[in-house]
C-alpha atoms as a PDB file:
ATOM      1  CA  UNK A   1      32.383  23.792 -12.140  1.00  0.00           C
ATOM      2  CA  UNK A   2      29.765  21.551 -13.771  1.00  0.00           C
ATOM      3  CA  UNK A   3      27.382  22.001 -10.861  1.00  0.00           C
ATOM      4  CA  UNK A   4      27.661  25.769 -11.156  1.00  0.00           C
ATOM      5  CA  UNK A   5      26.832  25.579 -14.858  1.00  0.00           C
ATOM      6  CA  UNK A   6      23.805  23.368 -14.197  1.00  0.00           C
ATOM      7  CA  UNK A   7      22.442  25.817 -11.643  1.00  0.00           C
ATOM      8  CA  UNK A   8      23.370  28.994 -13.480  1.00  0.00           C
ATOM      9  CA  UNK A   9      21.952  27.869 -16.823  1.00  0.00           C
ATOM     10  CA  UNK A  10      18.768  26.256 -15.479  1.00  0.00           C
ATOM     11  CA  UNK A  11      15.423  27.818 -16.294  1.00  0.00           C
ATOM     12  CA  UNK A  12      14.768  28.031 -12.548  1.00  0.00           C
ATOM     13  CA  UNK A  13      18.175  28.240 -10.827  1.00  0.00           C
ATOM     14  CA  UNK A  14      16.789  28.326  -7.279  1.00  0.00           C
ATOM     15  CA  UNK A  15      14.852  25.099  -7.811  1.00  0.00           C
ATOM     16  CA  UNK A  16      17.890  23.478  -9.444  1.00  0.00           C
ATOM     17  CA  UNK A  17      20.090  24.463  -6.498  1.00  0.00           C
ATOM     18  CA  UNK A  18      17.527  22.981  -4.091  1.00  0.00           C
ATOM     19  CA  UNK A  19      17.423  19.786  -6.134  1.00  0.00           C
ATOM     20  CA  UNK A  20      21.205  19.413  -5.867  1.00  0.00           C
ATOM     21  CA  UNK A  21      21.064  20.163  -2.148  1.00  0.00           C
ATOM     22  CA  UNK A  22      18.473  17.448  -1.581  1.00  0.00           C
ATOM     23  CA  UNK A  23      20.445  15.014  -3.736  1.00  0.00           C
ATOM     24  CA  UNK A  24      23.581  15.579  -1.668  1.00  0.00           C
ATOM     25  CA  UNK A  25      21.621  15.219   1.585  1.00  0.00           C
ATOM     26  CA  UNK A  26      20.008  11.993   0.354  1.00  0.00           C
ATOM     27  CA  UNK A  27      23.376  10.576  -0.647  1.00  0.00           C
ATOM     28  CA  UNK A  28      24.868  11.407   2.728  1.00  0.00           C
ATOM     29  CA  UNK A  29      21.922   9.922   4.620  1.00  0.00           C
ATOM     30  CA  UNK A  30      22.161   6.760   2.545  1.00  0.00           C
ATOM     31  CA  UNK A  31      25.875   6.483   3.257  1.00  0.00           C
ATOM     32  CA  UNK A  32      25.365   7.022   6.977  1.00  0.00           C
ATOM     33  CA  UNK A  33      22.570   4.422   7.050  1.00  0.00           C
ATOM     34  CA  UNK A  34      25.065   1.822   5.895  1.00  0.00           C
ATOM     35  CA  UNK A  35      24.847  -0.875   3.288  1.00  0.00           C
ATOM     36  CA  UNK A  36      23.178  -4.205   3.918  1.00  0.00           C
ATOM     37  CA  UNK A  37      25.357  -7.186   4.705  1.00  0.00           C
ATOM     38  CA  UNK A  38      26.859  -9.175   1.846  1.00  0.00           C
ATOM     39  CA  UNK A  39      25.160 -12.464   1.034  1.00  0.00           C
ATOM     40  CA  UNK A  40      26.607 -15.560  -0.569  1.00  0.00           C
ATOM     41  CA  UNK A  41      23.399 -16.324  -2.436  1.00  0.00           C
ATOM     42  CA  UNK A  42      20.630 -14.165  -3.832  1.00  0.00           C
ATOM     43  CA  UNK A  43      17.115 -14.674  -2.519  1.00  0.00           C
ATOM     44  CA  UNK A  44      13.952 -13.393  -4.218  1.00  0.00           C
ATOM     45  CA  UNK A  45      11.843 -10.924  -2.287  1.00  0.00           C
ATOM     46  CA  UNK A  46       8.689 -12.281  -3.932  1.00  0.00           C
ATOM     47  CA  UNK A  47       7.822 -15.982  -3.969  1.00  0.00           C
ATOM     48  CA  UNK A  48       7.924 -17.551  -7.426  1.00  0.00           C
ATOM     49  CA  UNK A  49       5.930 -20.683  -6.567  1.00  0.00           C
ATOM     50  CA  UNK A  50       2.695 -20.863  -8.526  1.00  0.00           C
ATOM     51  CA  UNK A  51       3.615 -18.275 -11.159  1.00  0.00           C
ATOM     52  CA  UNK A  52       4.104 -19.226 -14.819  1.00  0.00           C
ATOM     53  CA  UNK A  53       7.734 -19.671 -15.838  1.00  0.00           C
ATOM     54  CA  UNK A  54       7.515 -16.783 -18.324  1.00  0.00           C
ATOM     55  CA  UNK A  55       6.643 -14.427 -15.444  1.00  0.00           C
ATOM     56  CA  UNK A  56       9.663 -15.506 -13.447  1.00  0.00           C
ATOM     57  CA  UNK A  57      12.658 -13.292 -14.001  1.00  0.00           C
END
C-alpha cells in the first residue's frame, strides 16, 4: 500500500517505479552474494600508524 502511494503520488511515477525496482533488485543481489564471515575482533581497513591521534577514529 505504501509503495503504491509513493509511486502514484510521485512527480514522475515511472521513474519512481524504476527506482523501487532497482532497489529491490539490489537488495536481492546483496542477499544472494552473502554476508562476510563474522570476526571476533575488528580490524581497520586503513593503517593508523603515523597519523595524528586526533585523526584516528
